[in-house]
Amino acid sequence: MVRRRLSPAEAQGSGSGAGQVWTDVVGYVLEVSDGGVRLRTDPRHGTPEEVLVPADEIEAARQVPPRPPRRVPRYPEH
């Protein structure tokens, strides 16, 4: 997960109120360089795509553990 700074235009167009300056990009790290981080977005949130987050927009990054496996229903449907 990479937290990146929104551009002024993105912040105004976010529609979630004034003051929002960050957004999270959740995905799998493909490449890290001086220029930034290239991620493949999480397919759970739509069609996966490659995204380059420029280094000067990155505020924080952290490893997110894998999702736990889906639980088996207690009572199978009949």
Foldseek 3Di string as FASTA:
>chain_A
DWKFFDDPVCQVPVPPDPDDGIDDFDFDWDDQDQQATWGFGDCVVPHTDIDGGGPVGTDDDDDDDDDDDDDDDPDDDD
